[in-house]
Amino acid sequence: MFGLLDDNFTGSGKEAQALSRKVREAWASFACHGDPSCKSVGKWGLYDERREAMILGKQCMLVEAPYDEERRVWEPFVDSVLGSS
């Protein structure tokens, strides 16, 4: 997030630097405008019933409900702690 790369955690090299730049630009856009959409990652839509999430990598893309099956596994545990909605 701050442009500091660590070989053991984030890796290094051109790809890691490019991803770090994308993340920093999205954070800066969110901080300034309340919207993480920016030139380097593209349009980042609102999180709604479609559960779109931005996948950050060489290519950045919105994906509808990634890991939805895994998320559903946790629902009973969340409901037991927070209550059903």
PDB file of N, CA and C in Angstrom:
ATOM      1  N   MET A   1       0.816  -1.193   0.000  1.00  0.00           N
ATOM      2  CA  MET A   1       0.000   0.000   0.000  1.00  0.00           C
ATOM      3  C   MET A   1       0.858   1.254   0.000  1.00  0.00           C
ATOM      4  N   PHE A   2       2.035   1.182   0.599  1.00  0.00           N
ATOM      5  CA  PHE A   2       2.896   2.360   0.684  1.00  0.00           C
ATOM      6  C   PHE A   2       4.066   2.305  -0.282  1.00  0.00           C
ATOM      7  N   GLY A   3       4.073   1.313  -1.163  1.00  0.00           N
ATOM      8  CA  GLY A   3       5.145   1.202  -2.135  1.00  0.00           C
ATOM      9  C   GLY A   3       6.400   0.547  -1.585  1.00  0.00           C
ATOM     10  N   LEU A   4       6.291  -0.043  -0.415  1.00  0.00           N
ATOM     11  CA  LEU A   4       7.441  -0.720   0.194  1.00  0.00           C
ATOM     12  C   LEU A   4       7.293  -2.216  -0.063  1.00  0.00           C
ATOM     13  N   LEU A   5       8.222  -2.775  -0.798  1.00  0.00           N
ATOM     14  CA  LEU A   5       8.151  -4.187  -1.144  1.00  0.00           C
ATOM     15  C   LEU A   5       9.103  -4.996  -0.276  1.00  0.00           C
ATOM     16  N   ASP A   6       8.665  -6.189   0.077  1.00  0.00           N
ATOM     17  CA  ASP A   6       9.444  -7.090   0.914  1.00  0.00           C
ATOM     18  C   ASP A   6       9.471  -8.444   0.211  1.00  0.00           C
ATOM     19  N   ASP A   7      10.661  -8.925  -0.147  1.00  0.00           N
ATOM     20  CA  ASP A   7      10.770 -10.194  -0.867  1.00  0.00           C
ATOM     21  C   ASP A   7      10.011 -11.329  -0.193  1.00  0.00           C
ATOM     22  N   ASN A   8       9.992 -11.363   1.130  1.00  0.00           N
ATOM     23  CA  ASN A   8       9.350 -12.457   1.856  1.00  0.00           C
ATOM     24  C   ASN A   8       7.834 -12.336   1.902  1.00  0.00           C
ATOM     25  N   PHE A   9       7.294 -11.156   1.684  1.00  0.00           N
ATOM     26  CA  PHE A   9       5.853 -10.961   1.816  1.00  0.00           C
ATOM     27  C   PHE A   9       5.196 -10.612   0.488  1.00  0.00           C
ATOM     28  N   THR A  10       5.738  -9.648  -0.214  1.00  0.00           N
ATOM     29  CA  THR A  10       5.106  -9.155  -1.442  1.00  0.00           C
ATOM     30  C   THR A  10       5.830  -9.568  -2.702  1.00  0.00           C
ATOM     31  N   GLY A  11       7.049 -10.020  -2.564  1.00  0.00           N
ATOM     32  CA  GLY A  11       7.868 -10.262  -3.740  1.00  0.00           C
ATOM     33  C   GLY A  11       8.515  -8.962  -4.171  1.00  0.00           C
ATOM     34  N   SER A  12       9.216  -9.019  -5.277  1.00  0.00           N
ATOM     35  CA  SER A  12       9.885  -7.827  -5.770  1.00  0.00           C
ATOM     36  C   SER A  12       9.923  -7.892  -7.287  1.00  0.00           C
ATOM     37  N   GLY A  13      10.499  -6.918  -7.880  1.00  0.00           N
ATOM     38  CA  GLY A  13      10.607  -6.892  -9.329  1.00  0.00           C
ATOM     39  C   GLY A  13       9.542  -6.025  -9.968  1.00  0.00           C
ATOM     40  N   LYS A  14       9.543  -6.007 -11.294  1.00  0.00           N
ATOM     41  CA  LYS A  14       8.658  -5.124 -12.048  1.00  0.00           C
ATOM     42  C   LYS A  14       7.175  -5.423 -11.807  1.00  0.00           C
ATOM     43  N   GLU A  15       6.798  -6.702 -11.751  1.00  0.00           N
ATOM     44  CA  GLU A  15       5.391  -7.049 -11.544  1.00  0.00           C
ATOM     45  C   GLU A  15       4.906  -6.603 -10.166  1.00  0.00           C
ATOM     46  N   ALA A  16       5.706  -6.830  -9.138  1.00  0.00           N
ATOM     47  CA  ALA A  16       5.326  -6.409  -7.793  1.00  0.00           C
ATOM     48  C   ALA A  16       5.253  -4.892  -7.707  1.00  0.00           C
ATOM     49  N   GLN A  17       6.170  -4.200  -8.352  1.00  0.00           N
ATOM     50  CA  GLN A  17       6.142  -2.740  -8.360  1.00  0.00           C
ATOM     51  C   GLN A  17       4.907  -2.211  -9.079  1.00  0.00           C
ATOM     52  N   ALA A  18       4.534  -2.845 -10.191  1.00  0.00           N
ATOM     53  CA  ALA A  18       3.352  -2.421 -10.944  1.00  0.00           C
ATOM     54  C   ALA A  18       2.083  -2.633 -10.119  1.00  0.00           C
ATOM     55  N   LEU A  19       1.977  -3.768  -9.436  1.00  0.00           N
ATOM     56  CA  LEU A  19       0.810  -4.026  -8.590  1.00  0.00           C
ATOM     57  C   LEU A  19       0.760  -3.042  -7.432  1.00  0.00           C
ATOM     58  N   SER A  20       1.904  -2.763  -6.834  1.00  0.00           N
ATOM     59  CA  SER A  20       1.967  -1.795  -5.739  1.00  0.00           C
ATOM     60  C   SER A  20       1.483  -0.421  -6.208  1.00  0.00           C
ATOM     61  N   ARG A  21       1.870  -0.019  -7.408  1.00  0.00           N
ATOM     62  CA  ARG A  21       1.429   1.263  -7.953  1.00  0.00           C
ATOM     63  C   ARG A  21      -0.086   1.283  -8.126  1.00  0.00           C
ATOM     64  N   LYS A  22      -0.660   0.186  -8.640  1.00  0.00           N
ATOM     65  CA  LYS A  22      -2.110   0.104  -8.826  1.00  0.00           C
ATOM     66  C   LYS A  22      -2.839   0.240  -7.487  1.00  0.00           C
ATOM     67  N   VAL A  23      -2.350  -0.461  -6.478  1.00  0.00           N
ATOM     68  CA  VAL A  23      -2.983  -0.406  -5.163  1.00  0.00           C
ATOM     69  C   VAL A  23      -2.884   1.000  -4.580  1.00  0.00           C
ATOM     70  N   ARG A  24      -1.732   1.627  -4.710  1.00  0.00           N
ATOM     71  CA  ARG A  24      -1.572   2.993  -4.187  1.00  0.00           C
ATOM     72  C   ARG A  24      -2.493   3.968  -4.905  1.00  0.00           C
ATOM     73  N   GLU A  25      -2.608   3.836  -6.224  1.00  0.00           N
ATOM     74  CA  GLU A  25      -3.488   4.726  -6.972  1.00  0.00           C
ATOM     75  C   GLU A  25      -4.954   4.531  -6.572  1.00  0.00           C
ATOM     76  N   ALA A  26      -5.355   3.290  -6.361  1.00  0.00           N
ATOM     77  CA  ALA A  26      -6.734   3.025  -5.942  1.00  0.00           C
ATOM     78  C   ALA A  26      -6.996   3.598  -4.549  1.00  0.00           C
ATOM     79  N   TRP A  27      -6.048   3.427  -3.622  1.00  0.00           N
ATOM     80  CA  TRP A  27      -6.200   3.995  -2.272  1.00  0.00           C
ATOM     81  C   TRP A  27      -6.269   5.520  -2.335  1.00  0.00           C
ATOM     82  N   ALA A  28      -5.413   6.138  -3.136  1.00  0.00           N
ATOM     83  CA  ALA A  28      -5.406   7.601  -3.249  1.00  0.00           C
ATOM     84  C   ALA A  28      -6.719   8.097  -3.844  1.00  0.00           C
ATOM     85  N   SER A  29      -7.227   7.412  -4.852  1.00  0.00           N
ATOM     86  CA  SER A  29      -8.500   7.795  -5.448  1.00  0.00           C
ATOM     87  C   SER A  29      -9.627   7.665  -4.433  1.00  0.00           C
ATOM     88  N   PHE A  30      -9.609   6.581  -3.665  1.00  0.00           N
ATOM     89  CA  PHE A  30     -10.635   6.386  -2.645  1.00  0.00           C
ATOM     90  C   PHE A  30     -10.553   7.472  -1.569  1.00  0.00           C
ATOM     91  N   ALA A  31      -9.348   7.798  -1.151  1.00  0.00           N
ATOM     92  CA  ALA A  31      -9.165   8.825  -0.121  1.00  0.00           C
ATOM     93  C   ALA A  31      -9.621  10.198  -0.612  1.00  0.00           C
ATOM     94  N   CYS A  32      -9.355  10.501  -1.867  1.00  0.00           N
ATOM     95  CA  CYS A  32      -9.704  11.819  -2.413  1.00  0.00           C
ATOM     96  C   CYS A  32     -11.155  11.930  -2.861  1.00  0.00           C
ATOM     97  N   HIS A  33     -11.701  10.849  -3.425  1.00  0.00           N
ATOM     98  CA  HIS A  33     -13.003  10.935  -4.070  1.00  0.00           C
ATOM     99  C   HIS A  33     -14.053   9.977  -3.514  1.00  0.00           C
ATOM    100  N   GLY A  34     -13.645   9.099  -2.584  1.00  0.00           N
ATOM    101  CA  GLY A  34     -14.580   8.110  -2.068  1.00  0.00           C
ATOM    102  C   GLY A  34     -14.863   6.986  -3.051  1.00  0.00           C
ATOM    103  N   ASP A  35     -14.035   6.870  -4.079  1.00  0.00           N
ATOM    104  CA  ASP A  35     -14.216   5.864  -5.118  1.00  0.00           C
ATOM    105  C   ASP A  35     -12.823   5.377  -5.539  1.00  0.00           C
ATOM    106  N   PRO A  36     -12.534   4.078  -5.395  1.00  0.00           N
ATOM    107  CA  PRO A  36     -11.200   3.587  -5.752  1.00  0.00           C
ATOM    108  C   PRO A  36     -10.961   3.452  -7.252  1.00  0.00           C
ATOM    109  N   SER A  37     -11.966   3.740  -8.083  1.00  0.00           N
ATOM    110  CA  SER A  37     -11.769   3.671  -9.530  1.00  0.00           C
ATOM    111  C   SER A  37     -10.646   4.622  -9.924  1.00  0.00           C
ATOM    112  N   CYS A  38      -9.767   4.163 -10.800  1.00  0.00           N
ATOM    113  CA  CYS A  38      -8.670   4.996 -11.284  1.00  0.00           C
ATOM    114  C   CYS A  38      -8.171   4.414 -12.591  1.00  0.00           C
ATOM    115  N   LYS A  39      -7.306   5.126 -13.258  1.00  0.00           N
ATOM    116  CA  LYS A  39      -6.808   4.710 -14.567  1.00  0.00           C
ATOM    117  C   LYS A  39      -6.146   3.327 -14.519  1.00  0.00           C
ATOM    118  N   SER A  40      -5.386   3.061 -13.474  1.00  0.00           N
ATOM    119  CA  SER A  40      -4.612   1.817 -13.453  1.00  0.00           C
ATOM    120  C   SER A  40      -5.438   0.570 -13.135  1.00  0.00           C
ATOM    121  N   VAL A  41      -6.574   0.702 -12.445  1.00  0.00           N
ATOM    122  CA  VAL A  41      -7.397  -0.472 -12.142  1.00  0.00           C
ATOM    123  C   VAL A  41      -8.735  -0.455 -12.867  1.00  0.00           C
ATOM    124  N   GLY A  42      -9.141   0.687 -13.387  1.00  0.00           N
ATOM    125  CA  GLY A  42     -10.415   0.781 -14.086  1.00  0.00           C
ATOM    126  C   GLY A  42     -11.555   1.117 -13.141  1.00  0.00           C
ATOM    127  N   LYS A  43     -12.767   0.924 -13.636  1.00  0.00           N
ATOM    128  CA  LYS A  43     -13.975   1.232 -12.870  1.00  0.00           C
ATOM    129  C   LYS A  43     -14.170   0.182 -11.788  1.00  0.00           C
ATOM    130  N   TRP A  44     -14.305   0.643 -10.553  1.00  0.00           N
ATOM    131  CA  TRP A  44     -14.493  -0.233  -9.399  1.00  0.00           C
ATOM    132  C   TRP A  44     -15.890   0.061  -8.878  1.00  0.00           C
ATOM    133  N   GLY A  45     -16.826  -0.791  -9.217  1.00  0.00           N
ATOM    134  CA  GLY A  45     -18.229  -0.565  -8.868  1.00  0.00           C
ATOM    135  C   GLY A  45     -18.510  -0.714  -7.386  1.00  0.00           C
ATOM    136  N   LEU A  46     -19.702  -0.275  -7.005  1.00  0.00           N
ATOM    137  CA  LEU A  46     -20.144  -0.417  -5.623  1.00  0.00           C
ATOM    138  C   LEU A  46     -20.386  -1.888  -5.297  1.00  0.00           C
ATOM    139  N   TYR A  47     -20.126  -2.259  -4.071  1.00  0.00           N
ATOM    140  CA  TYR A  47     -20.395  -3.622  -3.621  1.00  0.00           C
ATOM    141  C   TYR A  47     -21.874  -3.705  -3.295  1.00  0.00           C
ATOM    142  N   ASP A  48     -22.587  -4.557  -4.017  1.00  0.00           N
ATOM    143  CA  ASP A  48     -24.024  -4.667  -3.813  1.00  0.00           C
ATOM    144  C   ASP A  48     -24.419  -6.145  -3.818  1.00  0.00           C
ATOM    145  N   GLU A  49     -25.679  -6.442  -4.123  1.00  0.00           N
ATOM    146  CA  GLU A  49     -26.155  -7.827  -4.082  1.00  0.00           C
ATOM    147  C   GLU A  49     -25.423  -8.741  -5.071  1.00  0.00           C
ATOM    148  N   ARG A  50     -24.778  -8.182  -6.077  1.00  0.00           N
ATOM    149  CA  ARG A  50     -23.999  -9.003  -7.011  1.00  0.00           C
ATOM    150  C   ARG A  50     -22.659  -9.419  -6.414  1.00  0.00           C
ATOM    151  N   ARG A  51     -22.255  -8.779  -5.334  1.00  0.00           N
ATOM    152  CA  ARG A  51     -21.005  -9.103  -4.633  1.00  0.00           C
ATOM    153  C   ARG A  51     -19.786  -9.018  -5.545  1.00  0.00           C
ATOM    154  N   GLU A  52     -19.739  -7.988  -6.397  1.00  0.00           N
ATOM    155  CA  GLU A  52     -18.575  -7.820  -7.258  1.00  0.00           C
ATOM    156  C   GLU A  52     -17.370  -7.388  -6.429  1.00  0.00           C
ATOM    157  N   ALA A  53     -16.253  -8.010  -6.707  1.00  0.00           N
ATOM    158  CA  ALA A  53     -15.003  -7.675  -6.025  1.00  0.00           C
ATOM    159  C   ALA A  53     -13.926  -7.431  -7.073  1.00  0.00           C
ATOM    160  N   MET A  54     -13.041  -6.501  -6.783  1.00  0.00           N
ATOM    161  CA  MET A  54     -11.939  -6.212  -7.697  1.00  0.00           C
ATOM    162  C   MET A  54     -10.812  -7.207  -7.435  1.00  0.00           C
ATOM    163  N   ILE A  55     -10.394  -7.882  -8.480  1.00  0.00           N
ATOM    164  CA  ILE A  55      -9.240  -8.769  -8.414  1.00  0.00           C
ATOM    165  C   ILE A  55      -8.056  -7.958  -8.937  1.00  0.00           C
ATOM    166  N   LEU A  56      -7.071  -7.772  -8.083  1.00  0.00           N
ATOM    167  CA  LEU A  56      -5.901  -6.967  -8.432  1.00  0.00           C
ATOM    168  C   LEU A  56      -4.757  -7.888  -8.821  1.00  0.00           C
ATOM    169  N   GLY A  57      -4.163  -7.629  -9.958  1.00  0.00           N
ATOM    170  CA  GLY A  57      -3.048  -8.434 -10.439  1.00  0.00           C
ATOM    171  C   GLY A  57      -2.480  -7.804 -11.691  1.00  0.00           C
ATOM    172  N   LYS A  58      -1.868  -8.633 -12.547  1.00  0.00           N
ATOM    173  CA  LYS A  58      -1.366  -8.103 -13.823  1.00  0.00           C
ATOM    174  C   LYS A  58      -2.499  -7.400 -14.553  1.00  0.00           C
ATOM    175  N   GLN A  59      -3.647  -8.055 -14.588  1.00  0.00           N
ATOM    176  CA  GLN A  59      -4.869  -7.465 -15.112  1.00  0.00           C
ATOM    177  C   GLN A  59      -5.814  -7.279 -13.935  1.00  0.00           C
ATOM    178  N   CYS A  60      -6.434  -6.134 -13.839  1.00  0.00           N
ATOM    179  CA  CYS A  60      -7.397  -5.885 -12.780  1.00  0.00           C
ATOM    180  C   CYS A  60      -8.790  -6.050 -13.372  1.00  0.00           C
ATOM    181  N   MET A  61      -9.659  -6.754 -12.641  1.00  0.00           N
ATOM    182  CA  MET A  61     -11.000  -6.981 -13.167  1.00  0.00           C
ATOM    183  C   MET A  61     -12.002  -7.158 -12.039  1.00  0.00           C
ATOM    184  N   LEU A  62     -13.224  -6.704 -12.308  1.00  0.00           N
ATOM    185  CA  LEU A  62     -14.322  -6.950 -11.386  1.00  0.00           C
ATOM    186  C   LEU A  62     -14.841  -8.360 -11.627  1.00  0.00           C
ATOM    187  N   VAL A  63     -15.022  -9.106 -10.570  1.00  0.00           N
ATOM    188  CA  VAL A  63     -15.517 -10.470 -10.664  1.00  0.00           C
ATOM    189  C   VAL A  63     -16.740 -10.571  -9.770  1.00  0.00           C
ATOM    190  N   GLU A  64     -17.820 -11.130 -10.313  1.00  0.00           N
ATOM    191  CA  GLU A  64     -19.047 -11.268  -9.535  1.00  0.00           C
ATOM    192  C   GLU A  64     -18.929 -12.455  -8.586  1.00  0.00           C
ATOM    193  N   ALA A  65     -19.114 -12.186  -7.309  1.00  0.00           N
ATOM    194  CA  ALA A  65     -19.171 -13.186  -6.244  1.00  0.00           C
ATOM    195  C   ALA A  65     -18.006 -14.181  -6.257  1.00  0.00           C
ATOM    196  N   PRO A  66     -16.765 -13.683  -6.253  1.00  0.00           N
ATOM    197  CA  PRO A  66     -15.655 -14.641  -6.204  1.00  0.00           C
ATOM    198  C   PRO A  66     -15.660 -15.389  -4.872  1.00  0.00           C
ATOM    199  N   TYR A  67     -15.312 -16.627  -4.919  1.00  0.00           N
ATOM    200  CA  TYR A  67     -15.252 -17.476  -3.720  1.00  0.00           C
ATOM    201  C   TYR A  67     -16.583 -17.508  -2.977  1.00  0.00           C
ATOM    202  N   ASP A  68     -17.683 -17.435  -3.718  1.00  0.00           N
ATOM    203  CA  ASP A  68     -18.998 -17.391  -3.068  1.00  0.00           C
ATOM    204  C   ASP A  68     -19.303 -18.674  -2.310  1.00  0.00           C
ATOM    205  N   GLU A  69     -18.886 -19.799  -2.838  1.00  0.00           N
ATOM    206  CA  GLU A  69     -19.129 -21.064  -2.145  1.00  0.00           C
ATOM    207  C   GLU A  69     -18.411 -21.082  -0.794  1.00  0.00           C
ATOM    208  N   GLU A  70     -17.172 -20.623  -0.781  1.00  0.00           N
ATOM    209  CA  GLU A  70     -16.417 -20.567   0.475  1.00  0.00           C
ATOM    210  C   GLU A  70     -17.048 -19.573   1.449  1.00  0.00           C
ATOM    211  N   ARG A  71     -17.539 -18.441   0.936  1.00  0.00           N
ATOM    212  CA  ARG A  71     -18.183 -17.443   1.791  1.00  0.00           C
ATOM    213  C   ARG A  71     -19.410 -18.028   2.463  1.00  0.00           C
ATOM    214  N   ARG A  72     -20.191 -18.808   1.717  1.00  0.00           N
ATOM    215  CA  ARG A  72     -21.413 -19.393   2.279  1.00  0.00           C
ATOM    216  C   ARG A  72     -21.117 -20.349   3.422  1.00  0.00           C
ATOM    217  N   VAL A  73     -19.979 -21.026   3.368  1.00  0.00           N
ATOM    218  CA  VAL A  73     -19.602 -21.947   4.446  1.00  0.00           C
ATOM    219  C   VAL A  73     -19.522 -21.201   5.774  1.00  0.00           C
ATOM    220  N   TRP A  74     -19.081 -19.928   5.736  1.00  0.00           N
ATOM    221  CA  TRP A  74     -18.908 -19.149   6.967  1.00  0.00           C
ATOM    222  C   TRP A  74     -20.184 -18.505   7.474  1.00  0.00           C
ATOM    223  N   GLU A  75     -21.233 -18.435   6.659  1.00  0.00           N
ATOM    224  CA  GLU A  75     -22.459 -17.739   7.060  1.00  0.00           C
ATOM    225  C   GLU A  75     -23.038 -18.212   8.394  1.00  0.00           C
ATOM    226  N   PRO A  76     -23.131 -19.521   8.663  1.00  0.00           N
ATOM    227  CA  PRO A  76     -23.689 -19.948   9.955  1.00  0.00           C
ATOM    228  C   PRO A  76     -22.873 -19.442  11.153  1.00  0.00           C
ATOM    229  N   PHE A  77     -21.572 -19.364  10.997  1.00  0.00           N
ATOM    230  CA  PHE A  77     -20.734 -18.892  12.086  1.00  0.00           C
ATOM    231  C   PHE A  77     -20.924 -17.403  12.318  1.00  0.00           C
ATOM    232  N   VAL A  78     -21.000 -16.658  11.236  1.00  0.00           N
ATOM    233  CA  VAL A  78     -21.227 -15.215  11.344  1.00  0.00           C
ATOM    234  C   VAL A  78     -22.586 -14.964  11.943  1.00  0.00           C
ATOM    235  N   ASP A  79     -23.612 -15.694  11.475  1.00  0.00           N
ATOM    236  CA  ASP A  79     -24.957 -15.517  12.008  1.00  0.00           C
ATOM    237  C   ASP A  79     -25.018 -15.844  13.495  1.00  0.00           C
ATOM    238  N   SER A  80     -24.261 -16.847  13.935  1.00  0.00           N
ATOM    239  CA  SER A  80     -24.297 -17.203  15.357  1.00  0.00           C
ATOM    240  C   SER A  80     -23.661 -16.124  16.218  1.00  0.00           C
ATOM    241  N   VAL A  81     -22.726 -15.377  15.671  1.00  0.00           N
ATOM    242  CA  VAL A  81     -22.068 -14.309  16.422  1.00  0.00           C
ATOM    243  C   VAL A  81     -22.833 -12.991  16.294  1.00  0.00           C
ATOM    244  N   LEU A  82     -23.229 -12.651  15.083  1.00  0.00           N
ATOM    245  CA  LEU A  82     -23.873 -11.362  14.829  1.00  0.00           C
ATOM    246  C   LEU A  82     -25.389 -11.443  14.783  1.00  0.00           C
ATOM    247  N   GLY A  83     -25.923 -12.618  14.668  1.00  0.00           N
ATOM    248  CA  GLY A  83     -27.367 -12.774  14.516  1.00  0.00           C
ATOM    249  C   GLY A  83     -27.746 -12.743  13.052  1.00  0.00           C
ATOM    250  N   SER A  84     -28.810 -13.401  12.726  1.00  0.00           N
ATOM    251  CA  SER A  84     -29.279 -13.428  11.335  1.00  0.00           C
ATOM    252  C   SER A  84     -29.821 -12.067  10.959  1.00  0.00           C
ATOM    253  N   SER A  85     -29.651 -11.754   9.667  1.00  0.00           N
ATOM    254  CA  SER A  85     -30.204 -10.479   9.190  1.00  0.00           C
ATOM    255  C   SER A  85     -31.351 -10.718   8.256  1.00  0.00           C
TER     256      SER A  85
END
